Amino acid sequence: MDIKNFIIEYWKHVAFQNELELKNYFHEDACIRWHNTNEEFNVSEFLRANCEYPGDWSGEVERIEQAGNTVITVTHVWTKEMSFHVTSFFEIIEAKIKTLDEYWGDDGTIPQWRKDMHIGKPIR
């Protein structure tokens, strides 16, 4: 299994909200958790939450790491109005996602208190 291709294709289908293709990435009894909002989904619920959310989405995988059956990704996901970075922990069993733990963060501007300290510099 080419894990890099698996992950890039998965995120492409997430961005396109392609429910039929996304379903194929998961074990039937997979568990998906969004820790920032304390939510746990089965596959059907996850597909509904992802594919019925409004907006024209784009995404780019910025980093992929693998340790055994665990794949960790950092992905930038955005619309014209919103931007997020998500860190995801995939447990891949028999070439399908068994568990997916995600941590979503809103992208934003530097808070004024840190600007006032004159520390740091832009990453990009």
PDB file of N, CA and C in Angstrom:
ATOM      1  N   MET A   1       0.846  -1.186   0.000  1.00  0.00           N
ATOM      2  CA  MET A   1       0.000   0.000   0.000  1.00  0.00           C
ATOM      3  C   MET A   1       0.889   1.247   0.000  1.00  0.00           C
ATOM      4  N   ASP A   2       0.633   2.141  -0.907  1.00  0.00           N
ATOM      5  CA  ASP A   2       1.333   3.423  -0.974  1.00  0.00           C
ATOM      6  C   ASP A   2       0.595   4.401  -0.062  1.00  0.00           C
ATOM      7  N   ILE A   3       1.084   4.536   1.172  1.00  0.00           N
ATOM      8  CA  ILE A   3       0.378   5.319   2.183  1.00  0.00           C
ATOM      9  C   ILE A   3       0.282   6.793   1.806  1.00  0.00           C
ATOM     10  N   LYS A   4       1.332   7.342   1.194  1.00  0.00           N
ATOM     11  CA  LYS A   4       1.299   8.757   0.805  1.00  0.00           C
ATOM     12  C   LYS A   4       0.170   9.008  -0.189  1.00  0.00           C
ATOM     13  N   ASN A   5       0.054   8.168  -1.202  1.00  0.00           N
ATOM     14  CA  ASN A   5      -1.016   8.305  -2.186  1.00  0.00           C
ATOM     15  C   ASN A   5      -2.390   8.105  -1.543  1.00  0.00           C
ATOM     16  N   PHE A   6      -2.500   7.118  -0.651  1.00  0.00           N
ATOM     17  CA  PHE A   6      -3.752   6.850   0.068  1.00  0.00           C
ATOM     18  C   PHE A   6      -4.217   8.114   0.785  1.00  0.00           C
ATOM     19  N   ILE A   7      -3.310   8.742   1.517  1.00  0.00           N
ATOM     20  CA  ILE A   7      -3.644   9.938   2.308  1.00  0.00           C
ATOM     21  C   ILE A   7      -3.977  11.122   1.413  1.00  0.00           C
ATOM     22  N   ILE A   8      -3.192  11.353   0.391  1.00  0.00           N
ATOM     23  CA  ILE A   8      -3.452  12.489  -0.503  1.00  0.00           C
ATOM     24  C   ILE A   8      -4.797  12.325  -1.204  1.00  0.00           C
ATOM     25  N   GLU A   9      -5.084  11.120  -1.665  1.00  0.00           N
ATOM     26  CA  GLU A   9      -6.378  10.867  -2.315  1.00  0.00           C
ATOM     27  C   GLU A   9      -7.528  11.000  -1.315  1.00  0.00           C
ATOM     28  N   TYR A  10      -7.334  10.506  -0.099  1.00  0.00           N
ATOM     29  CA  TYR A  10      -8.362  10.645   0.937  1.00  0.00           C
ATOM     30  C   TYR A  10      -8.708  12.122   1.136  1.00  0.00           C
ATOM     31  N   TRP A  11      -7.679  12.954   1.337  1.00  0.00           N
ATOM     32  CA  TRP A  11      -7.932  14.378   1.599  1.00  0.00           C
ATOM     33  C   TRP A  11      -8.539  15.069   0.380  1.00  0.00           C
ATOM     34  N   LYS A  12      -8.213  14.621  -0.812  1.00  0.00           N
ATOM     35  CA  LYS A  12      -8.831  15.177  -2.020  1.00  0.00           C
ATOM     36  C   LYS A  12     -10.339  14.929  -1.976  1.00  0.00           C
ATOM     37  N   HIS A  13     -10.737  13.720  -1.583  1.00  0.00           N
ATOM     38  CA  HIS A  13     -12.166  13.399  -1.510  1.00  0.00           C
ATOM     39  C   HIS A  13     -12.848  14.134  -0.350  1.00  0.00           C
ATOM     40  N   VAL A  14     -12.114  14.386   0.726  1.00  0.00           N
ATOM     41  CA  VAL A  14     -12.670  15.197   1.813  1.00  0.00           C
ATOM     42  C   VAL A  14     -12.981  16.594   1.284  1.00  0.00           C
ATOM     43  N   ALA A  15     -12.009  17.233   0.630  1.00  0.00           N
ATOM     44  CA  ALA A  15     -12.192  18.584   0.114  1.00  0.00           C
ATOM     45  C   ALA A  15     -13.330  18.659  -0.895  1.00  0.00           C
ATOM     46  N   PHE A  16     -13.438  17.644  -1.767  1.00  0.00           N
ATOM     47  CA  PHE A  16     -14.501  17.623  -2.767  1.00  0.00           C
ATOM     48  C   PHE A  16     -15.831  17.142  -2.202  1.00  0.00           C
ATOM     49  N   GLN A  17     -15.828  16.729  -0.927  1.00  0.00           N
ATOM     50  CA  GLN A  17     -17.023  16.221  -0.244  1.00  0.00           C
ATOM     51  C   GLN A  17     -17.644  15.066  -1.039  1.00  0.00           C
ATOM     52  N   ASN A  18     -16.790  14.169  -1.479  1.00  0.00           N
ATOM     53  CA  ASN A  18     -17.174  13.035  -2.315  1.00  0.00           C
ATOM     54  C   ASN A  18     -17.549  11.843  -1.429  1.00  0.00           C
ATOM     55  N   GLU A  19     -18.792  11.795  -1.022  1.00  0.00           N
ATOM     56  CA  GLU A  19     -19.271  10.780  -0.076  1.00  0.00           C
ATOM     57  C   GLU A  19     -19.066   9.355  -0.572  1.00  0.00           C
ATOM     58  N   LEU A  20     -19.354   9.095  -1.836  1.00  0.00           N
ATOM     59  CA  LEU A  20     -19.238   7.731  -2.351  1.00  0.00           C
ATOM     60  C   LEU A  20     -17.802   7.226  -2.286  1.00  0.00           C
ATOM     61  N   GLU A  21     -16.838   8.067  -2.638  1.00  0.00           N
ATOM     62  CA  GLU A  21     -15.439   7.658  -2.581  1.00  0.00           C
ATOM     63  C   GLU A  21     -14.939   7.586  -1.140  1.00  0.00           C
ATOM     64  N   LEU A  22     -15.305   8.562  -0.315  1.00  0.00           N
ATOM     65  CA  LEU A  22     -14.830   8.583   1.076  1.00  0.00           C
ATOM     66  C   LEU A  22     -15.226   7.329   1.834  1.00  0.00           C
ATOM     67  N   LYS A  23     -16.428   6.865   1.617  1.00  0.00           N
ATOM     68  CA  LYS A  23     -16.925   5.679   2.325  1.00  0.00           C
ATOM     69  C   LYS A  23     -15.983   4.490   2.147  1.00  0.00           C
ATOM     70  N   ASN A  24     -15.361   4.389   0.983  1.00  0.00           N
ATOM     71  CA  ASN A  24     -14.474   3.261   0.684  1.00  0.00           C
ATOM     72  C   ASN A  24     -13.178   3.272   1.491  1.00  0.00           C
ATOM     73  N   TYR A  25     -12.845   4.376   2.103  1.00  0.00           N
ATOM     74  CA  TYR A  25     -11.602   4.474   2.881  1.00  0.00           C
ATOM     75  C   TYR A  25     -11.737   3.899   4.288  1.00  0.00           C
ATOM     76  N   PHE A  26     -12.956   3.644   4.734  1.00  0.00           N
ATOM     77  CA  PHE A  26     -13.202   3.280   6.128  1.00  0.00           C
ATOM     78  C   PHE A  26     -13.661   1.835   6.297  1.00  0.00           C
ATOM     79  N   HIS A  27     -13.245   1.240   7.410  1.00  0.00           N
ATOM     80  CA  HIS A  27     -13.876   0.004   7.855  1.00  0.00           C
ATOM     81  C   HIS A  27     -15.323   0.332   8.204  1.00  0.00           C
ATOM     82  N   GLU A  28     -16.176  -0.624   8.049  1.00  0.00           N
ATOM     83  CA  GLU A  28     -17.604  -0.429   8.325  1.00  0.00           C
ATOM     84  C   GLU A  28     -17.850   0.083   9.744  1.00  0.00           C
ATOM     85  N   ASP A  29     -17.059  -0.399  10.715  1.00  0.00           N
ATOM     86  CA  ASP A  29     -17.259  -0.029  12.120  1.00  0.00           C
ATOM     87  C   ASP A  29     -16.225   0.987  12.613  1.00  0.00           C
ATOM     88  N   ALA A  30     -15.676   1.781  11.699  1.00  0.00           N
ATOM     89  CA  ALA A  30     -14.666   2.770  12.067  1.00  0.00           C
ATOM     90  C   ALA A  30     -15.241   3.809  13.030  1.00  0.00           C
ATOM     91  N   CYS A  31     -14.337   4.402  13.790  1.00  0.00           N
ATOM     92  CA  CYS A  31     -14.683   5.437  14.756  1.00  0.00           C
ATOM     93  C   CYS A  31     -13.890   6.698  14.419  1.00  0.00           C
ATOM     94  N   ILE A  32     -14.593   7.827  14.314  1.00  0.00           N
ATOM     95  CA  ILE A  32     -13.963   9.106  14.003  1.00  0.00           C
ATOM     96  C   ILE A  32     -14.247  10.052  15.166  1.00  0.00           C
ATOM     97  N   ARG A  33     -13.179  10.693  15.679  1.00  0.00           N
ATOM     98  CA  ARG A  33     -13.334  11.610  16.819  1.00  0.00           C
ATOM     99  C   ARG A  33     -12.770  12.980  16.476  1.00  0.00           C
ATOM    100  N   TRP A  34     -13.572  14.013  16.757  1.00  0.00           N
ATOM    101  CA  TRP A  34     -13.132  15.403  16.643  1.00  0.00           C
ATOM    102  C   TRP A  34     -12.974  15.916  18.072  1.00  0.00           C
ATOM    103  N   HIS A  35     -11.764  15.924  18.551  1.00  0.00           N
ATOM    104  CA  HIS A  35     -11.503  16.212  19.958  1.00  0.00           C
ATOM    105  C   HIS A  35     -11.800  17.655  20.349  1.00  0.00           C
ATOM    106  N   ASN A  36     -11.600  18.619  19.445  1.00  0.00           N
ATOM    107  CA  ASN A  36     -11.841  20.028  19.783  1.00  0.00           C
ATOM    108  C   ASN A  36     -13.287  20.285  20.185  1.00  0.00           C
ATOM    109  N   THR A  37     -14.210  19.517  19.616  1.00  0.00           N
ATOM    110  CA  THR A  37     -15.629  19.716  19.908  1.00  0.00           C
ATOM    111  C   THR A  37     -16.237  18.532  20.667  1.00  0.00           C
ATOM    112  N   ASN A  38     -15.379  17.600  21.105  1.00  0.00           N
ATOM    113  CA  ASN A  38     -15.827  16.462  21.924  1.00  0.00           C
ATOM    114  C   ASN A  38     -16.923  15.648  21.227  1.00  0.00           C
ATOM    115  N   GLU A  39     -16.665  15.290  19.946  1.00  0.00           N
ATOM    116  CA  GLU A  39     -17.646  14.532  19.172  1.00  0.00           C
ATOM    117  C   GLU A  39     -17.026  13.238  18.660  1.00  0.00           C
ATOM    118  N   GLU A  40     -17.844  12.183  18.675  1.00  0.00           N
ATOM    119  CA  GLU A  40     -17.446  10.894  18.114  1.00  0.00           C
ATOM    120  C   GLU A  40     -18.500  10.491  17.100  1.00  0.00           C
ATOM    121  N   PHE A  41     -18.039  10.036  15.925  1.00  0.00           N
ATOM    122  CA  PHE A  41     -18.932   9.688  14.823  1.00  0.00           C
ATOM    123  C   PHE A  41     -18.682   8.262  14.352  1.00  0.00           C
ATOM    124  N   ASN A  42     -19.748   7.621  13.869  1.00  0.00           N
ATOM    125  CA  ASN A  42     -19.554   6.415  13.073  1.00  0.00           C
ATOM    126  C   ASN A  42     -19.341   6.881  11.635  1.00  0.00           C
ATOM    127  N   VAL A  43     -19.101   5.971  10.717  1.00  0.00           N
ATOM    128  CA  VAL A  43     -18.774   6.359   9.346  1.00  0.00           C
ATOM    129  C   VAL A  43     -19.912   7.145   8.706  1.00  0.00           C
ATOM    130  N   SER A  44     -21.126   6.675   8.858  1.00  0.00           N
ATOM    131  CA  SER A  44     -22.276   7.344   8.253  1.00  0.00           C
ATOM    132  C   SER A  44     -22.420   8.775   8.773  1.00  0.00           C
ATOM    133  N   GLU A  45     -22.263   8.949  10.067  1.00  0.00           N
ATOM    134  CA  GLU A  45     -22.370  10.289  10.659  1.00  0.00           C
ATOM    135  C   GLU A  45     -21.238  11.198  10.186  1.00  0.00           C
ATOM    136  N   PHE A  46     -20.032  10.649  10.115  1.00  0.00           N
ATOM    137  CA  PHE A  46     -18.889  11.431   9.649  1.00  0.00           C
ATOM    138  C   PHE A  46     -19.105  11.885   8.206  1.00  0.00           C
ATOM    139  N   LEU A  47     -19.551  10.976   7.360  1.00  0.00           N
ATOM    140  CA  LEU A  47     -19.790  11.327   5.965  1.00  0.00           C
ATOM    141  C   LEU A  47     -20.845  12.418   5.849  1.00  0.00           C
ATOM    142  N   ARG A  48     -21.864  12.324   6.651  1.00  0.00           N
ATOM    143  CA  ARG A  48     -22.916  13.349   6.625  1.00  0.00           C
ATOM    144  C   ARG A  48     -22.364  14.696   7.078  1.00  0.00           C
ATOM    145  N   ALA A  49     -21.617  14.701   8.195  1.00  0.00           N
ATOM    146  CA  ALA A  49     -21.045  15.951   8.707  1.00  0.00           C
ATOM    147  C   ALA A  49     -20.091  16.566   7.689  1.00  0.00           C
ATOM    148  N   ASN A  50     -19.264  15.749   7.062  1.00  0.00           N
ATOM    149  CA  ASN A  50     -18.274  16.256   6.115  1.00  0.00           C
ATOM    150  C   ASN A  50     -18.895  16.668   4.779  1.00  0.00           C
ATOM    151  N   CYS A  51     -19.779  15.844   4.260  1.00  0.00           N
ATOM    152  CA  CYS A  51     -20.265  16.047   2.899  1.00  0.00           C
ATOM    153  C   CYS A  51     -21.444  17.000   2.793  1.00  0.00           C
ATOM    154  N   GLU A  52     -22.132  17.260   3.890  1.00  0.00           N
ATOM    155  CA  GLU A  52     -23.255  18.191   3.851  1.00  0.00           C
ATOM    156  C   GLU A  52     -22.878  19.578   4.364  1.00  0.00           C
ATOM    157  N   TYR A  53     -21.641  19.759   4.816  1.00  0.00           N
ATOM    158  CA  TYR A  53     -21.195  21.061   5.290  1.00  0.00           C
ATOM    159  C   TYR A  53     -21.083  21.994   4.094  1.00  0.00           C
ATOM    160  N   PRO A  54     -21.625  23.218   4.209  1.00  0.00           N
ATOM    161  CA  PRO A  54     -21.620  24.116   3.043  1.00  0.00           C
ATOM    162  C   PRO A  54     -20.225  24.646   2.720  1.00  0.00           C
ATOM    163  N   GLY A  55     -20.071  25.043   1.489  1.00  0.00           N
ATOM    164  CA  GLY A  55     -18.834  25.691   1.080  1.00  0.00           C
ATOM    165  C   GLY A  55     -18.106  24.945  -0.009  1.00  0.00           C
ATOM    166  N   ASP A  56     -17.227  25.667  -0.666  1.00  0.00           N
ATOM    167  CA  ASP A  56     -16.378  25.131  -1.720  1.00  0.00           C
ATOM    168  C   ASP A  56     -14.992  24.969  -1.115  1.00  0.00           C
ATOM    169  N   TRP A  57     -14.618  23.749  -0.768  1.00  0.00           N
ATOM    170  CA  TRP A  57     -13.423  23.470   0.025  1.00  0.00           C
ATOM    171  C   TRP A  57     -12.215  23.140  -0.842  1.00  0.00           C
ATOM    172  N   SER A  58     -11.058  23.467  -0.299  1.00  0.00           N
ATOM    173  CA  SER A  58      -9.783  23.050  -0.873  1.00  0.00           C
ATOM    174  C   SER A  58      -8.944  22.485   0.261  1.00  0.00           C
ATOM    175  N   GLY A  59      -7.921  21.716  -0.082  1.00  0.00           N
ATOM    176  CA  GLY A  59      -7.063  21.161   0.955  1.00  0.00           C
ATOM    177  C   GLY A  59      -5.701  20.801   0.413  1.00  0.00           C
ATOM    178  N   GLU A  60      -4.715  20.837   1.302  1.00  0.00           N
ATOM    179  CA  GLU A  60      -3.356  20.467   0.943  1.00  0.00           C
ATOM    180  C   GLU A  60      -2.705  19.772   2.126  1.00  0.00           C
ATOM    181  N   VAL A  61      -2.245  18.554   1.899  1.00  0.00           N
ATOM    182  CA  VAL A  61      -1.525  17.823   2.941  1.00  0.00           C
ATOM    183  C   VAL A  61      -0.120  18.423   3.026  1.00  0.00           C
ATOM    184  N   GLU A  62       0.237  18.889   4.219  1.00  0.00           N
ATOM    185  CA  GLU A  62       1.535  19.533   4.409  1.00  0.00           C
ATOM    186  C   GLU A  62       2.582  18.595   4.985  1.00  0.00           C
ATOM    187  N   ARG A  63       2.119  17.563   5.681  1.00  0.00           N
ATOM    188  CA  ARG A  63       3.074  16.642   6.302  1.00  0.00           C
ATOM    189  C   ARG A  63       2.410  15.291   6.532  1.00  0.00           C
ATOM    190  N   ILE A  64       3.172  14.221   6.312  1.00  0.00           N
ATOM    191  CA  ILE A  64       2.716  12.852   6.565  1.00  0.00           C
ATOM    192  C   ILE A  64       3.824  12.128   7.318  1.00  0.00           C
ATOM    193  N   GLU A  65       3.464  11.505   8.432  1.00  0.00           N
ATOM    194  CA  GLU A  65       4.392  10.679   9.209  1.00  0.00           C
ATOM    195  C   GLU A  65       3.715   9.342   9.452  1.00  0.00           C
ATOM    196  N   GLN A  66       4.511   8.282   9.529  1.00  0.00           N
ATOM    197  CA  GLN A  66       3.954   6.954   9.782  1.00  0.00           C
ATOM    198  C   GLN A  66       4.755   6.248  10.854  1.00  0.00           C
ATOM    199  N   ALA A  67       4.034   5.606  11.754  1.00  0.00           N
ATOM    200  CA  ALA A  67       4.633   4.766  12.795  1.00  0.00           C
ATOM    201  C   ALA A  67       3.769   3.517  12.906  1.00  0.00           C
ATOM    202  N   GLY A  68       4.213   2.435  12.306  1.00  0.00           N
ATOM    203  CA  GLY A  68       3.420   1.204  12.315  1.00  0.00           C
ATOM    204  C   GLY A  68       2.118   1.407  11.573  1.00  0.00           C
ATOM    205  N   ASN A  69       0.998   1.082  12.241  1.00  0.00           N
ATOM    206  CA  ASN A  69      -0.334   1.233  11.644  1.00  0.00           C
ATOM    207  C   ASN A  69      -0.887   2.645  11.774  1.00  0.00           C
ATOM    208  N   THR A  70      -0.137   3.533  12.406  1.00  0.00           N
ATOM    209  CA  THR A  70      -0.601   4.899  12.623  1.00  0.00           C
ATOM    210  C   THR A  70       0.029   5.840  11.605  1.00  0.00           C
ATOM    211  N   VAL A  71      -0.832   6.637  10.970  1.00  0.00           N
ATOM    212  CA  VAL A  71      -0.379   7.667  10.039  1.00  0.00           C
ATOM    213  C   VAL A  71      -0.843   9.004  10.605  1.00  0.00           C
ATOM    214  N   ILE A  72       0.088   9.953  10.675  1.00  0.00           N
ATOM    215  CA  ILE A  72      -0.205  11.282  11.213  1.00  0.00           C
ATOM    216  C   ILE A  72      -0.058  12.276  10.075  1.00  0.00           C
ATOM    217  N   THR A  73      -1.068  13.119   9.922  1.00  0.00           N
ATOM    218  CA  THR A  73      -1.011  14.134   8.877  1.00  0.00           C
ATOM    219  C   THR A  73      -1.272  15.513   9.457  1.00  0.00           C
ATOM    220  N   VAL A  74      -0.705  16.497   8.802  1.00  0.00           N
ATOM    221  CA  VAL A  74      -1.050  17.900   9.033  1.00  0.00           C
ATOM    222  C   VAL A  74      -1.564  18.397   7.698  1.00  0.00           C
ATOM    223  N   THR A  75      -2.775  18.926   7.696  1.00  0.00           N
ATOM    224  CA  THR A  75      -3.427  19.319   6.452  1.00  0.00           C
ATOM    225  C   THR A  75      -4.018  20.714   6.592  1.00  0.00           C
ATOM    226  N   HIS A  76      -3.830  21.521   5.567  1.00  0.00           N
ATOM    227  CA  HIS A  76      -4.447  22.843   5.492  1.00  0.00           C
ATOM    228  C   HIS A  76      -5.741  22.679   4.701  1.00  0.00           C
ATOM    229  N   VAL A  77      -6.860  23.113   5.287  1.00  0.00           N
ATOM    230  CA  VAL A  77      -8.176  23.017   4.664  1.00  0.00           C
ATOM    231  C   VAL A  77      -8.771  24.417   4.673  1.00  0.00           C
ATOM    232  N   TRP A  78      -9.332  24.862   3.521  1.00  0.00           N
ATOM    233  CA  TRP A  78      -9.826  26.233   3.477  1.00  0.00           C
ATOM    234  C   TRP A  78     -10.960  26.409   2.472  1.00  0.00           C
ATOM    235  N   THR A  79     -11.685  27.505   2.660  1.00  0.00           N
ATOM    236  CA  THR A  79     -12.640  28.051   1.690  1.00  0.00           C
ATOM    237  C   THR A  79     -12.203  29.499   1.467  1.00  0.00           C
ATOM    238  N   LYS A  80     -12.988  30.257   0.714  1.00  0.00           N
ATOM    239  CA  LYS A  80     -12.677  31.684   0.538  1.00  0.00           C
ATOM    240  C   LYS A  80     -12.823  32.443   1.852  1.00  0.00           C
ATOM    241  N   GLU A  81     -13.689  31.952   2.741  1.00  0.00           N
ATOM    242  CA  GLU A  81     -13.984  32.651   3.985  1.00  0.00           C
ATOM    243  C   GLU A  81     -13.261  32.101   5.215  1.00  0.00           C
ATOM    244  N   MET A  82     -12.847  30.841   5.189  1.00  0.00           N
ATOM    245  CA  MET A  82     -12.303  30.185   6.379  1.00  0.00           C
ATOM    246  C   MET A  82     -11.032  29.426   6.049  1.00  0.00           C
ATOM    247  N   SER A  83     -10.191  29.248   7.093  1.00  0.00           N
ATOM    248  CA  SER A  83      -8.964  28.488   6.920  1.00  0.00           C
ATOM    249  C   SER A  83      -8.671  27.737   8.213  1.00  0.00           C
ATOM    250  N   PHE A  84      -8.273  26.476   8.074  1.00  0.00           N
ATOM    251  CA  PHE A  84      -8.000  25.615   9.221  1.00  0.00           C
ATOM    252  C   PHE A  84      -6.728  24.808   8.970  1.00  0.00           C
ATOM    253  N   HIS A  85      -6.114  24.384  10.048  1.00  0.00           N
ATOM    254  CA  HIS A  85      -5.098  23.340   9.998  1.00  0.00           C
ATOM    255  C   HIS A  85      -5.613  22.200  10.862  1.00  0.00           C
ATOM    256  N   VAL A  86      -5.487  20.998  10.365  1.00  0.00           N
ATOM    257  CA  VAL A  86      -5.971  19.827  11.095  1.00  0.00           C
ATOM    258  C   VAL A  86      -4.831  18.824  11.224  1.00  0.00           C
ATOM    259  N   THR A  87      -4.659  18.345  12.444  1.00  0.00           N
ATOM    260  CA  THR A  87      -3.726  17.251  12.709  1.00  0.00           C
ATOM    261  C   THR A  87      -4.566  16.002  12.893  1.00  0.00           C
ATOM    262  N   SER A  88      -4.267  14.970  12.098  1.00  0.00           N
ATOM    263  CA  SER A  88      -5.070  13.756  12.086  1.00  0.00           C
ATOM    264  C   SER A  88      -4.206  12.539  12.390  1.00  0.00           C
ATOM    265  N   PHE A  89      -4.755  11.642  13.193  1.00  0.00           N
ATOM    266  CA  PHE A  89      -4.122  10.376  13.520  1.00  0.00           C
ATOM    267  C   PHE A  89      -5.003   9.267  12.968  1.00  0.00           C
ATOM    268  N   PHE A  90      -4.521   8.615  11.914  1.00  0.00           N
ATOM    269  CA  PHE A  90      -5.241   7.529  11.263  1.00  0.00           C
ATOM    270  C   PHE A  90      -4.692   6.202  11.763  1.00  0.00           C
ATOM    271  N   GLU A  91      -5.563   5.291  12.175  1.00  0.00           N
ATOM    272  CA  GLU A  91      -5.157   3.906  12.403  1.00  0.00           C
ATOM    273  C   GLU A  91      -5.607   3.140  11.162  1.00  0.00           C
ATOM    274  N   ILE A  92      -4.640   2.636  10.404  1.00  0.00           N
ATOM    275  CA  ILE A  92      -4.916   1.936   9.156  1.00  0.00           C
ATOM    276  C   ILE A  92      -4.752   0.433   9.397  1.00  0.00           C
ATOM    277  N   ILE A  93      -5.846  -0.299   9.208  1.00  0.00           N
ATOM    278  CA  ILE A  93      -5.841  -1.758   9.350  1.00  0.00           C
ATOM    279  C   ILE A  93      -6.374  -2.346   8.046  1.00  0.00           C
ATOM    280  N   GLU A  94      -5.634  -3.264   7.460  1.00  0.00           N
ATOM    281  CA  GLU A  94      -6.031  -3.918   6.214  1.00  0.00           C
ATOM    282  C   GLU A  94      -6.419  -2.892   5.142  1.00  0.00           C
ATOM    283  N   ALA A  95      -5.586  -1.875   5.012  1.00  0.00           N
ATOM    284  CA  ALA A  95      -5.717  -0.839   3.974  1.00  0.00           C
ATOM    285  C   ALA A  95      -6.979   0.015   4.087  1.00  0.00           C
ATOM    286  N   LYS A  96      -7.548   0.086   5.304  1.00  0.00           N
ATOM    287  CA  LYS A  96      -8.708   0.952   5.544  1.00  0.00           C
ATOM    288  C   LYS A  96      -8.565   1.629   6.895  1.00  0.00           C
ATOM    289  N   ILE A  97      -9.255   2.757   7.051  1.00  0.00           N
ATOM    290  CA  ILE A  97      -9.203   3.522   8.292  1.00  0.00           C
ATOM    291  C   ILE A  97     -10.082   2.840   9.339  1.00  0.00           C
ATOM    292  N   LYS A  98      -9.473   2.501  10.464  1.00  0.00           N
ATOM    293  CA  LYS A  98     -10.193   1.886  11.590  1.00  0.00           C
ATOM    294  C   LYS A  98     -10.589   2.959  12.604  1.00  0.00           C
ATOM    295  N   THR A  99      -9.648   3.838  12.927  1.00  0.00           N
ATOM    296  CA  THR A  99      -9.958   4.982  13.790  1.00  0.00           C
ATOM    297  C   THR A  99      -9.308   6.225  13.196  1.00  0.00           C
ATOM    298  N   LEU A 100      -9.944   7.352  13.436  1.00  0.00           N
ATOM    299  CA  LEU A 100      -9.432   8.638  12.981  1.00  0.00           C
ATOM    300  C   LEU A 100      -9.677   9.652  14.089  1.00  0.00           C
ATOM    301  N   ASP A 101      -8.587  10.169  14.655  1.00  0.00           N
ATOM    302  CA  ASP A 101      -8.661  11.199  15.693  1.00  0.00           C
ATOM    303  C   ASP A 101      -8.142  12.493  15.099  1.00  0.00           C
ATOM    304  N   GLU A 102      -8.987  13.551  15.144  1.00  0.00           N
ATOM    305  CA  GLU A 102      -8.606  14.812  14.509  1.00  0.00           C
ATOM    306  C   GLU A 102      -8.674  15.973  15.492  1.00  0.00           C
ATOM    307  N   TYR A 103      -7.744  16.907  15.257  1.00  0.00           N
ATOM    308  CA  TYR A 103      -7.635  18.122  16.058  1.00  0.00           C
ATOM    309  C   TYR A 103      -7.614  19.292  15.085  1.00  0.00           C
ATOM    310  N   TRP A 104      -8.725  20.043  15.045  1.00  0.00           N
ATOM    311  CA  TRP A 104      -8.880  21.153  14.104  1.00  0.00           C
ATOM    312  C   TRP A 104      -8.562  22.465  14.800  1.00  0.00           C
ATOM    313  N   GLY A 105      -7.838  23.322  14.095  1.00  0.00           N
ATOM    314  CA  GLY A 105      -7.545  24.651  14.616  1.00  0.00           C
ATOM    315  C   GLY A 105      -7.837  25.706  13.561  1.00  0.00           C
ATOM    316  N   ASP A 106      -8.523  26.773  13.987  1.00  0.00           N
ATOM    317  CA  ASP A 106      -8.781  27.901  13.091  1.00  0.00           C
ATOM    318  C   ASP A 106      -7.471  28.640  12.826  1.00  0.00           C
ATOM    319  N   ASP A 107      -7.222  28.981  11.576  1.00  0.00           N
ATOM    320  CA  ASP A 107      -6.091  29.841  11.257  1.00  0.00           C
ATOM    321  C   ASP A 107      -6.524  31.280  11.531  1.00  0.00           C
ATOM    322  N   GLY A 108      -5.632  32.059  12.067  1.00  0.00           N
ATOM    323  CA  GLY A 108      -5.986  33.438  12.381  1.00  0.00           C
ATOM    324  C   GLY A 108      -4.767  34.340  12.381  1.00  0.00           C
ATOM    325  N   THR A 109      -5.003  35.539  12.834  1.00  0.00           N
ATOM    326  CA  THR A 109      -3.922  36.520  12.894  1.00  0.00           C
ATOM    327  C   THR A 109      -3.226  36.432  14.248  1.00  0.00           C
ATOM    328  N   ILE A 110      -2.034  36.986  14.293  1.00  0.00           N
ATOM    329  CA  ILE A 110      -1.266  37.023  15.539  1.00  0.00           C
ATOM    330  C   ILE A 110      -2.003  37.930  16.519  1.00  0.00           C
ATOM    331  N   PRO A 111      -2.197  37.484  17.765  1.00  0.00           N
ATOM    332  CA  PRO A 111      -2.863  38.347  18.741  1.00  0.00           C
ATOM    333  C   PRO A 111      -2.023  39.609  19.025  1.00  0.00           C
ATOM    334  N   GLN A 112      -2.715  40.687  19.310  1.00  0.00           N
ATOM    335  CA  GLN A 112      -2.048  41.976  19.517  1.00  0.00           C
ATOM    336  C   GLN A 112      -1.004  41.915  20.626  1.00  0.00           C
ATOM    337  N   TRP A 113      -1.266  41.167  21.690  1.00  0.00           N
ATOM    338  CA  TRP A 113      -0.317  41.131  22.808  1.00  0.00           C
ATOM    339  C   TRP A 113       1.031  40.568  22.381  1.00  0.00           C
ATOM    340  N   ARG A 114       1.034  39.621  21.415  1.00  0.00           N
ATOM    341  CA  ARG A 114       2.310  39.091  20.922  1.00  0.00           C
ATOM    342  C   ARG A 114       2.953  40.050  19.929  1.00  0.00           C
ATOM    343  N   LYS A 115       2.138  40.728  19.128  1.00  0.00           N
ATOM    344  CA  LYS A 115       2.685  41.765  18.243  1.00  0.00           C
ATOM    345  C   LYS A 115       3.409  42.816  19.072  1.00  0.00           C
ATOM    346  N   ASP A 116       2.781  43.202  20.176  1.00  0.00           N
ATOM    347  CA  ASP A 116       3.366  44.227  21.050  1.00  0.00           C
ATOM    348  C   ASP A 116       4.696  43.783  21.652  1.00  0.00           C
ATOM    349  N   MET A 117       4.911  42.476  21.774  1.00  0.00           N
ATOM    350  CA  MET A 117       6.167  41.953  22.325  1.00  0.00           C
ATOM    351  C   MET A 117       7.294  41.952  21.286  1.00  0.00           C
ATOM    352  N   HIS A 118       6.942  42.145  19.984  1.00  0.00           N
ATOM    353  CA  HIS A 118       7.923  42.141  18.899  1.00  0.00           C
ATOM    354  C   HIS A 118       8.753  40.847  18.892  1.00  0.00           C
ATOM    355  N   ILE A 119       8.024  39.722  18.954  1.00  0.00           N
ATOM    356  CA  ILE A 119       8.687  38.410  18.934  1.00  0.00           C
ATOM    357  C   ILE A 119       8.161  37.613  17.752  1.00  0.00           C
ATOM    358  N   GLY A 120       8.900  36.609  17.332  1.00  0.00           N
ATOM    359  CA  GLY A 120       8.473  35.712  16.262  1.00  0.00           C
ATOM    360  C   GLY A 120       8.528  36.376  14.896  1.00  0.00           C
ATOM    361  N   LYS A 121       8.252  35.578  13.879  1.00  0.00           N
ATOM    362  CA  LYS A 121       8.192  36.045  12.507  1.00  0.00           C
ATOM    363  C   LYS A 121       7.248  35.118  11.741  1.00  0.00           C
ATOM    364  N   PRO A 122       6.715  35.565  10.620  1.00  0.00           N
ATOM    365  CA  PRO A 122       5.811  34.722   9.839  1.00  0.00           C
ATOM    366  C   PRO A 122       6.493  33.446   9.350  1.00  0.00           C
ATOM    367  N   ILE A 123       5.760  32.358   9.326  1.00  0.00           N
ATOM    368  CA  ILE A 123       6.262  31.091   8.802  1.00  0.00           C
ATOM    369  C   ILE A 123       6.343  31.174   7.273  1.00  0.00           C
ATOM    370  N   ARG A 124       5.349  31.757   6.641  1.00  0.00           N
ATOM    371  CA  ARG A 124       5.317  31.892   5.178  1.00  0.00           C
ATOM    372  C   ARG A 124       5.239  33.347   4.818  1.00  0.00           C
TER     373      ARG A 124
END
